[in-house]
Amino acid sequence: MSLAVYIHWPFCKKKCPYCDFNSHVSDAVDHKRWAEVLKANIESFARLTDEKQVSSVFFGGGTPSMMEADTIATCIQAVQANWQASNDFEVTFEANPTSSAAKKFEAFREAGVNRISVGVQSFDNEALKFLGREHSAEEAKDAIAMARDIFPRASFDLIYGRPEQSLDQWRGELEQALAFNPDHISVYQLTIEEGTQFHTQHQRGDFIMPEADVEAQFYDLTQDVLGTAGLPAYEVSNHAKQGEQSRHNMSYWRYDDYVGIGPGAHGRFVSGGKRMTTRGHKAPEVWLDKANGGYVGNGTDCGYRTESIDANTAFEEALMVGLRLSEGVDVMHLEEKTGRKFEDYIDQRKLSQLIDEGYISYDLERVTCTMQGIKTLNSLLLYLLG
């Protein structure tokens, strides 16, 4: 069975106003100690899942490009030493496109990274300023070009649906993105998350977000422009050429096992015949102290909270994440993973209604959201599973 490994680096130079990820600003980081504790945690999780083959590693954050290359190499080597790696072993690394971060790309490649995801977010300097990003549009373009030269595989992120952004402006940014002939692009609609700086500003009336019908137009334009360019959506927010999908993220959406290592990192895997979920303590220094000896299982204060996942919860989770994919959900795979029969668990009256109204396609082997269903996925899932 395959396994994905997520490693969380919680530190950032500054907190972006839209970000609700577990990220922290710190001027003093003991890189040597962090490398040692991350390595110990990799080793301890491997003891629980040693029968699995690792297909991917993903360094997320935070800002992983603030890591030292030696720390990255230590983590990758620990993964390879404690699990069997697949032949197409993927190692993805998130990076900011500032000039100082881009200068480290070659060191990251030498450390073992073979896929990079660059946090561009926009090719418009005013938009970058609004989003709280520290790089310029030119730095972003330079970083993309450098990433494509250095790494075998490269992706970058863009954010759309910003206040006062027009459809023509968004089309222009997509065309600038396509000028790089990318293999993979992640495009995210700007959302206002509670607890962020943007949430406070939005509540105060500092800016107005696009109406729902305009958001739908942005989504339709994205599908049209990228699909025509040979980058169809394989997931709600991710577009790729054939064969260039993120293997790591596909593990999440196909409900495969993954371990999450680091502060606030989530994991979900089967060990000893039981499906469990883990979550690291969010505070970096607390996690570092408690997780010093690695993950030692439930009932011990080792920097992680552990909970078991029952079959019904697993079924609903697997369906929810799987319907984000253009390929949908393989019903046999779903039933084997969760031990629940699709036609017994799902209300057939609701399913038939969603099929008749054009939201879902179902042929007994696979259930898939239509384009109309993808646009209303959250409410669709509430209805179907309610």
Protein backbone atom coordinates (compact mmCIF):
# COMPACT_ATOMS: atom_id res chain seq x y z
CA MET A 1 0.00 0.00 0.00
CA SER A 2 1.19 3.52 -0.78
CA LEU A 3 1.81 6.26 1.75
CA ALA A 4 2.31 10.02 1.40
CA VAL A 5 4.39 12.02 3.88
CA TYR A 6 3.63 15.66 4.71
CA ILE A 7 6.23 17.74 6.58
CA HIS A 8 5.17 21.11 7.98
CA TRP A 9 7.57 24.03 8.39
CA PRO A 10 5.60 26.57 10.45
CA PHE A 11 7.74 29.68 10.08
CA CYS A 12 7.17 32.73 7.86
CA LYS A 13 8.87 36.06 7.50
CA LYS A 14 5.42 37.67 7.78
CA LYS A 15 1.82 36.51 7.94
CA CYS A 16 -0.20 37.09 4.76
CA PRO A 17 -3.57 38.74 5.47
CA TYR A 18 -5.59 35.97 3.78
CA CYS A 19 -3.71 33.02 5.31
CA ASP A 20 -5.34 30.80 7.94
CA PHE A 21 -2.65 28.10 7.83
CA ASN A 22 -0.59 27.26 10.89
CA SER A 23 2.21 29.77 10.31
CA HIS A 24 4.25 31.82 12.76
CA VAL A 25 6.70 34.70 12.49
CA SER A 26 10.02 33.99 14.23
CA ASP A 27 13.43 35.61 13.95
CA ALA A 28 15.28 32.83 15.77
CA VAL A 29 14.99 29.23 14.58
CA ASP A 30 17.35 26.48 15.74
CA HIS A 31 17.60 24.69 12.39
CA LYS A 32 19.80 21.90 13.73
CA ARG A 33 17.31 21.00 16.48
CA TRP A 34 14.37 21.17 14.09
CA ALA A 35 16.15 18.80 11.73
CA GLU A 36 16.81 16.35 14.56
CA VAL A 37 13.21 16.37 15.83
CA LEU A 38 11.70 16.09 12.34
CA LYS A 39 14.00 13.12 11.68
CA ALA A 40 12.95 11.46 14.97
CA ASN A 41 9.29 11.89 14.04
CA ILE A 42 9.80 10.44 10.57
CA GLU A 43 11.45 7.40 12.16
CA SER A 44 8.66 6.94 14.71
CA PHE A 45 5.82 7.18 12.17
CA ALA A 46 7.70 4.72 9.95
CA ARG A 47 7.62 2.13 12.74
CA LEU A 48 3.81 2.26 12.63
CA THR A 49 3.56 2.11 8.84
CA ASP A 50 6.67 0.21 7.76
CA GLU A 51 4.73 -2.14 5.48
CA LYS A 52 3.80 0.75 3.18
CA GLN A 53 5.66 2.22 0.21
CA VAL A 54 6.15 5.99 0.17
CA SER A 55 5.01 7.60 -3.06
CA SER A 56 5.55 11.25 -2.15
CA VAL A 57 6.87 13.80 0.32
CA PHE A 58 5.49 17.33 0.52
CA PHE A 59 7.11 20.21 2.40
CA GLY A 60 4.42 22.78 3.22
CA GLY A 61 4.05 25.73 5.53
CA GLY A 62 4.50 28.35 6.56
CA THR A 63 7.33 29.13 4.22
CA PRO A 64 9.45 26.02 3.56
CA SER A 65 11.88 28.04 1.45
CA MET A 66 13.07 29.48 4.79
CA MET A 67 14.38 26.00 5.65
CA GLU A 68 18.05 25.21 5.30
CA ALA A 69 18.88 22.78 2.52
CA ASP A 70 20.58 20.49 5.05
CA THR A 71 17.32 20.17 6.99
CA ILE A 72 15.45 19.23 3.82
CA ALA A 73 18.11 16.66 2.94
CA THR A 74 17.94 15.19 6.45
CA CYS A 75 14.18 14.71 6.15
CA ILE A 76 14.30 13.19 2.66
CA GLN A 77 17.11 10.83 3.63
CA ALA A 78 15.20 9.77 6.75
CA VAL A 79 12.12 8.96 4.67
CA GLN A 80 14.17 6.89 2.22
CA ALA A 81 16.00 5.10 5.04
CA ASN A 82 12.83 4.11 6.90
CA TRP A 83 10.37 3.29 4.11
CA GLN A 84 10.68 1.80 0.66
CA ALA A 85 10.27 4.61 -1.89
CA SER A 86 8.33 4.12 -5.11
CA ASN A 87 10.09 4.27 -8.46
CA ASP A 88 8.36 7.59 -9.25
CA PHE A 89 9.02 9.03 -5.76
CA GLU A 90 7.84 12.67 -5.77
CA VAL A 91 9.30 15.32 -3.45
CA THR A 92 7.46 18.65 -3.61
CA PHE A 93 8.58 21.84 -1.95
CA GLU A 94 6.62 25.10 -1.54
CA ALA A 95 8.66 28.23 -2.15
CA ASN A 96 8.16 31.96 -2.23
CA PRO A 97 9.33 33.72 -5.40
CA THR A 98 11.39 36.41 -3.70
CA SER A 99 14.86 36.78 -5.16
CA SER A 100 16.45 35.64 -1.89
CA ALA A 101 14.40 32.41 -1.89
CA ALA A 102 15.04 31.74 -5.58
CA LYS A 103 18.79 31.86 -4.97
CA LYS A 104 18.38 28.70 -2.86
CA PHE A 105 16.61 26.66 -5.57
CA GLU A 106 19.76 24.82 -6.67
CA ALA A 107 20.54 23.84 -3.07
CA PHE A 108 16.99 22.53 -2.66
CA ARG A 109 17.37 20.46 -5.83
CA GLU A 110 20.66 19.02 -4.57
CA ALA A 111 18.92 18.13 -1.28
CA GLY A 112 16.55 15.86 -3.19
CA VAL A 113 13.56 18.02 -4.17
CA ASN A 114 12.28 17.07 -7.63
CA ARG A 115 9.10 19.16 -7.81
CA ILE A 116 8.57 22.76 -6.72
CA SER A 117 5.41 24.77 -6.15
CA VAL A 118 5.99 28.53 -6.33
CA GLY A 119 3.59 30.84 -4.48
CA VAL A 120 3.19 33.48 -7.22
CA GLN A 121 -0.46 34.42 -6.45
CA SER A 122 -0.56 37.26 -9.02
CA PHE A 123 1.34 38.94 -11.86
CA ASP A 124 -0.03 42.35 -10.84
CA ASN A 125 2.04 44.43 -8.43
CA GLU A 126 -0.96 46.21 -6.91
CA ALA A 127 -2.66 42.87 -6.30
CA LEU A 128 0.50 41.49 -4.71
CA LYS A 129 0.60 44.49 -2.39
CA PHE A 130 -3.05 43.95 -1.43
CA LEU A 131 -2.35 40.25 -0.77
CA GLY A 132 0.57 41.16 1.49
CA ARG A 133 3.14 39.42 -0.66
CA GLU A 134 6.78 40.53 -0.51
CA HIS A 135 7.75 39.73 -4.10
CA SER A 136 7.13 41.72 -7.26
CA ALA A 137 5.59 40.50 -10.50
CA GLU A 138 9.04 40.48 -12.12
CA GLU A 139 10.50 38.44 -9.28
CA ALA A 140 7.64 35.97 -9.70
CA LYS A 141 8.34 35.58 -13.42
CA ASP A 142 12.07 35.16 -12.77
CA ALA A 143 11.37 32.53 -10.10
CA ILE A 144 9.10 30.53 -12.43
CA ALA A 145 11.74 30.54 -15.17
CA MET A 146 14.44 29.51 -12.69
CA ALA A 147 12.24 26.77 -11.21
CA ARG A 148 11.58 25.29 -14.64
CA ASP A 149 15.30 25.25 -15.40
CA ILE A 150 16.34 23.62 -12.13
CA PHE A 151 13.57 21.17 -11.21
CA PRO A 152 12.20 18.29 -13.32
CA ARG A 153 8.67 19.37 -12.44
CA ALA A 154 7.32 22.79 -11.43
CA SER A 155 3.99 24.35 -10.54
CA PHE A 156 2.83 27.74 -9.34
CA ASP A 157 -0.21 29.20 -7.58
CA LEU A 158 -2.51 32.05 -8.55
CA ILE A 159 -5.38 33.69 -6.63
CA TYR A 160 -8.47 35.09 -8.37
CA GLY A 161 -11.75 36.68 -7.33
CA ARG A 162 -10.03 39.60 -5.65
CA PRO A 163 -11.90 42.82 -4.83
CA GLU A 164 -12.31 45.02 -7.94
CA GLN A 165 -10.62 42.43 -10.17
CA SER A 166 -12.26 42.25 -13.60
CA LEU A 167 -12.67 39.20 -15.79
CA ASP A 168 -10.43 40.81 -18.41
CA GLN A 169 -7.70 41.34 -15.82
CA TRP A 170 -7.93 37.70 -14.77
CA ARG A 171 -7.81 36.54 -18.38
CA GLY A 172 -4.66 38.62 -18.80
CA GLU A 173 -3.00 37.00 -15.79
CA LEU A 174 -3.89 33.53 -17.06
CA GLU A 175 -2.38 34.39 -20.43
CA GLN A 176 0.82 35.55 -18.69
CA ALA A 177 0.87 32.25 -16.81
CA LEU A 178 0.43 30.25 -20.01
CA ALA A 179 3.37 32.06 -21.60
CA PHE A 180 5.59 29.86 -19.41
CA ASN A 181 4.08 26.70 -20.94
CA PRO A 182 3.43 25.30 -17.44
CA ASP A 183 2.77 21.64 -16.74
CA HIS A 184 0.72 22.39 -13.62
CA ILE A 185 -1.08 25.42 -12.15
CA SER A 186 -3.08 25.74 -8.93
CA VAL A 187 -5.72 28.49 -9.06
CA TYR A 188 -7.56 29.42 -5.88
CA GLN A 189 -10.53 31.67 -5.40
CA LEU A 190 -9.85 34.22 -2.67
CA THR A 191 -11.89 33.34 0.40
CA ILE A 192 -12.21 35.29 3.63
CA GLU A 193 -11.31 33.01 6.53
CA GLU A 194 -12.19 33.75 10.13
CA GLY A 195 -9.21 34.75 12.26
CA THR A 196 -7.30 36.35 9.39
CA GLN A 197 -6.46 40.02 8.86
CA PHE A 198 -8.70 40.02 5.77
CA HIS A 199 -11.63 38.82 7.87
CA THR A 200 -11.26 41.82 10.19
CA GLN A 201 -10.90 44.23 7.26
CA HIS A 202 -13.85 42.72 5.40
CA GLN A 203 -16.07 42.91 8.49
CA ARG A 204 -15.04 46.55 8.84
CA GLY A 205 -16.04 47.23 5.24
CA ASP A 206 -12.55 48.01 3.96
CA PHE A 207 -13.23 46.08 0.75
CA ILE A 208 -16.08 44.24 -0.97
CA MET A 209 -15.78 40.73 -2.35
CA PRO A 210 -17.32 39.72 -5.70
CA GLU A 211 -20.92 38.48 -5.72
CA ALA A 212 -21.58 34.75 -6.13
CA ASP A 213 -22.57 35.08 -9.79
CA VAL A 214 -19.35 36.95 -10.57
CA GLU A 215 -17.32 34.29 -8.73
CA ALA A 216 -18.96 31.69 -10.98
CA GLN A 217 -17.93 33.70 -14.04
CA PHE A 218 -14.33 33.74 -12.83
CA TYR A 219 -14.47 29.97 -12.40
CA ASP A 220 -15.96 29.42 -15.86
CA LEU A 221 -13.34 31.66 -17.46
CA THR A 222 -10.57 29.74 -15.69
CA GLN A 223 -11.88 26.39 -16.95
CA ASP A 224 -12.19 27.72 -20.49
CA VAL A 225 -8.77 29.38 -20.76
CA LEU A 226 -6.75 26.64 -19.06
CA GLY A 227 -8.72 23.78 -20.58
CA THR A 228 -8.23 25.18 -24.08
CA ALA A 229 -4.50 25.43 -23.37
CA GLY A 230 -4.26 21.73 -22.51
CA LEU A 231 -4.42 22.20 -18.73
CA PRO A 232 -7.84 20.81 -17.76
CA ALA A 233 -8.91 20.77 -14.13
CA TYR A 234 -8.23 17.41 -12.51
CA GLU A 235 -9.42 18.79 -9.17
CA VAL A 236 -11.49 21.83 -8.18
CA SER A 237 -8.47 24.17 -8.00
CA ASN A 238 -5.74 22.26 -9.82
CA HIS A 239 -4.97 22.07 -13.54
CA ALA A 240 -2.33 19.95 -15.26
CA LYS A 241 -1.16 18.43 -18.48
CA GLN A 242 -1.68 14.68 -18.76
CA GLY A 243 0.55 12.86 -16.28
CA GLU A 244 1.61 16.03 -14.41
CA GLN A 245 -0.91 15.88 -11.58
CA SER A 246 0.43 16.28 -8.06
CA ARG A 247 0.88 12.69 -6.88
CA HIS A 248 0.98 13.82 -3.27
CA ASN A 249 -2.31 15.69 -3.37
CA MET A 250 -3.92 12.87 -5.35
CA SER A 251 -3.17 10.69 -2.33
CA TYR A 252 -5.32 12.99 -0.19
CA TRP A 253 -8.20 13.10 -2.65
CA ARG A 254 -8.17 9.34 -3.30
CA TYR A 255 -8.23 8.77 0.46
CA ASP A 256 -4.90 6.98 0.55
CA ASP A 257 -2.86 6.92 3.75
CA TYR A 258 -0.61 9.81 4.71
CA VAL A 259 1.34 10.87 7.78
CA GLY A 260 1.61 14.49 8.87
CA ILE A 261 4.78 15.57 10.65
CA GLY A 262 5.29 18.92 12.33
CA PRO A 263 3.27 21.57 14.21
CA GLY A 264 -0.40 21.49 13.23
CA ALA A 265 0.20 18.78 10.61
CA HIS A 266 -2.64 16.32 10.01
CA GLY A 267 -2.20 12.64 9.24
CA ARG A 268 -4.60 9.81 8.38
CA PHE A 269 -3.49 6.21 8.09
CA VAL A 270 -4.20 2.61 9.00
CA SER A 271 -1.93 0.97 11.58
CA GLY A 272 -2.54 -2.36 13.26
CA GLY A 273 -5.78 -2.73 11.34
CA LYS A 274 -7.21 0.54 12.73
CA ARG A 275 -7.73 3.79 10.82
CA MET A 276 -6.60 6.82 12.78
CA THR A 277 -6.05 10.53 12.41
CA THR A 278 -3.28 12.53 14.05
CA ARG A 279 -2.72 16.25 14.47
CA GLY A 280 0.42 17.95 15.74
CA HIS A 281 0.25 20.67 18.38
CA LYS A 282 -0.04 24.00 16.60
CA ALA A 283 2.48 25.99 18.66
CA PRO A 284 5.95 25.37 17.16
CA GLU A 285 7.95 25.46 20.38
CA VAL A 286 5.42 23.34 22.27
CA TRP A 287 5.45 20.75 19.47
CA LEU A 288 9.25 20.80 19.34
CA ASP A 289 9.50 20.06 23.07
CA LYS A 290 6.78 17.40 23.22
CA ALA A 291 7.65 15.66 19.94
CA ASN A 292 11.36 15.50 20.70
CA GLY A 293 11.22 11.71 21.03
CA GLY A 294 8.95 11.21 18.03
CA TYR A 295 5.35 10.04 17.78
CA VAL A 296 4.70 7.21 20.25
CA GLY A 297 0.96 6.69 19.82
CA ASN A 298 -2.30 7.55 21.47
CA GLY A 299 -2.51 8.23 25.19
CA THR A 300 0.92 9.83 25.40
CA ASP A 301 1.60 13.56 25.35
CA CYS A 302 4.05 13.46 22.44
CA GLY A 303 3.03 16.57 20.55
CA TYR A 304 0.14 14.92 18.67
CA ARG A 305 -3.54 14.32 19.28
CA THR A 306 -4.75 10.95 17.99
CA GLU A 307 -8.33 9.87 17.24
CA SER A 308 -9.76 6.74 15.66
CA ILE A 309 -11.92 6.98 12.52
CA ASP A 310 -15.01 4.80 12.32
CA ALA A 311 -16.26 3.29 9.05
CA ASN A 312 -19.09 5.80 8.56
CA THR A 313 -16.79 8.77 9.04
CA ALA A 314 -14.23 7.26 6.66
CA PHE A 315 -16.93 6.72 4.01
CA GLU A 316 -18.13 10.32 4.21
CA GLU A 317 -14.59 11.74 4.23
CA ALA A 318 -13.55 9.65 1.24
CA LEU A 319 -16.63 10.69 -0.73
CA MET A 320 -16.21 14.37 0.14
CA VAL A 321 -12.58 14.58 -0.98
CA GLY A 322 -13.03 12.25 -3.94
CA LEU A 323 -15.84 14.27 -5.50
CA ARG A 324 -13.40 17.17 -5.83
CA LEU A 325 -11.65 15.19 -8.56
CA SER A 326 -12.68 15.25 -12.21
CA GLU A 327 -12.27 11.45 -12.18
CA GLY A 328 -14.72 11.22 -9.28
CA VAL A 329 -14.85 8.31 -6.88
CA ASP A 330 -14.26 4.66 -7.74
CA VAL A 331 -17.13 2.97 -5.89
CA MET A 332 -15.34 -0.38 -5.41
CA HIS A 333 -12.26 1.44 -4.07
CA LEU A 334 -14.50 3.45 -1.72
CA GLU A 335 -16.19 0.33 -0.39
CA GLU A 336 -12.91 -1.53 0.08
CA LYS A 337 -11.38 1.43 1.93
CA THR A 338 -14.29 1.97 4.30
CA GLY A 339 -16.19 -1.31 4.58
CA ARG A 340 -19.46 0.42 3.69
CA LYS A 341 -21.63 -0.33 0.65
CA PHE A 342 -22.35 2.76 -1.47
CA GLU A 343 -25.94 1.87 -2.31
CA ASP A 344 -26.71 1.02 1.32
CA TYR A 345 -25.19 4.17 2.81
CA ILE A 346 -26.34 6.77 0.27
CA ASP A 347 -30.00 7.76 0.08
CA GLN A 348 -30.92 6.57 -3.43
CA ARG A 349 -33.77 9.08 -3.69
CA LYS A 350 -31.37 11.98 -3.12
CA LEU A 351 -28.83 10.47 -5.49
CA SER A 352 -31.43 10.09 -8.25
CA GLN A 353 -32.56 13.67 -7.77
CA LEU A 354 -29.00 14.99 -8.10
CA ILE A 355 -28.50 12.87 -11.23
CA ASP A 356 -31.77 14.08 -12.77
CA GLU A 357 -30.90 17.72 -12.05
CA GLY A 358 -27.49 17.37 -13.68
CA TYR A 359 -25.25 17.66 -10.62
CA ILE A 360 -23.91 14.10 -10.46
CA SER A 361 -23.08 11.27 -12.85
CA TYR A 362 -23.27 7.67 -11.58
CA ASP A 363 -22.85 4.42 -13.52
CA LEU A 364 -22.61 1.92 -10.60
CA GLU A 365 -18.80 1.85 -10.90
CA ARG A 366 -17.96 5.54 -10.47
CA VAL A 367 -19.71 8.61 -9.06
CA THR A 368 -18.62 11.99 -10.45
CA CYS A 369 -19.66 15.61 -10.08
CA THR A 370 -20.62 17.44 -13.25
CA MET A 371 -19.34 20.99 -13.80
CA GLN A 372 -22.59 22.25 -12.32
CA GLY A 373 -22.07 19.96 -9.33
CA ILE A 374 -18.49 21.16 -8.77
CA LYS A 375 -19.72 24.76 -8.54
CA THR A 376 -22.13 23.82 -5.75
CA LEU A 377 -20.03 21.07 -4.18
CA ASN A 378 -20.34 22.15 -0.55
CA SER A 379 -24.14 22.40 -0.58
CA LEU A 380 -24.37 19.23 -2.71
CA LEU A 381 -22.41 17.26 -0.13
CA LEU A 382 -24.50 18.64 2.73
CA TYR A 383 -27.64 17.46 0.97
CA LEU A 384 -26.31 14.08 -0.12
CA LEU A 385 -24.80 13.17 3.24
CA GLY A 386 -27.33 14.97 5.43
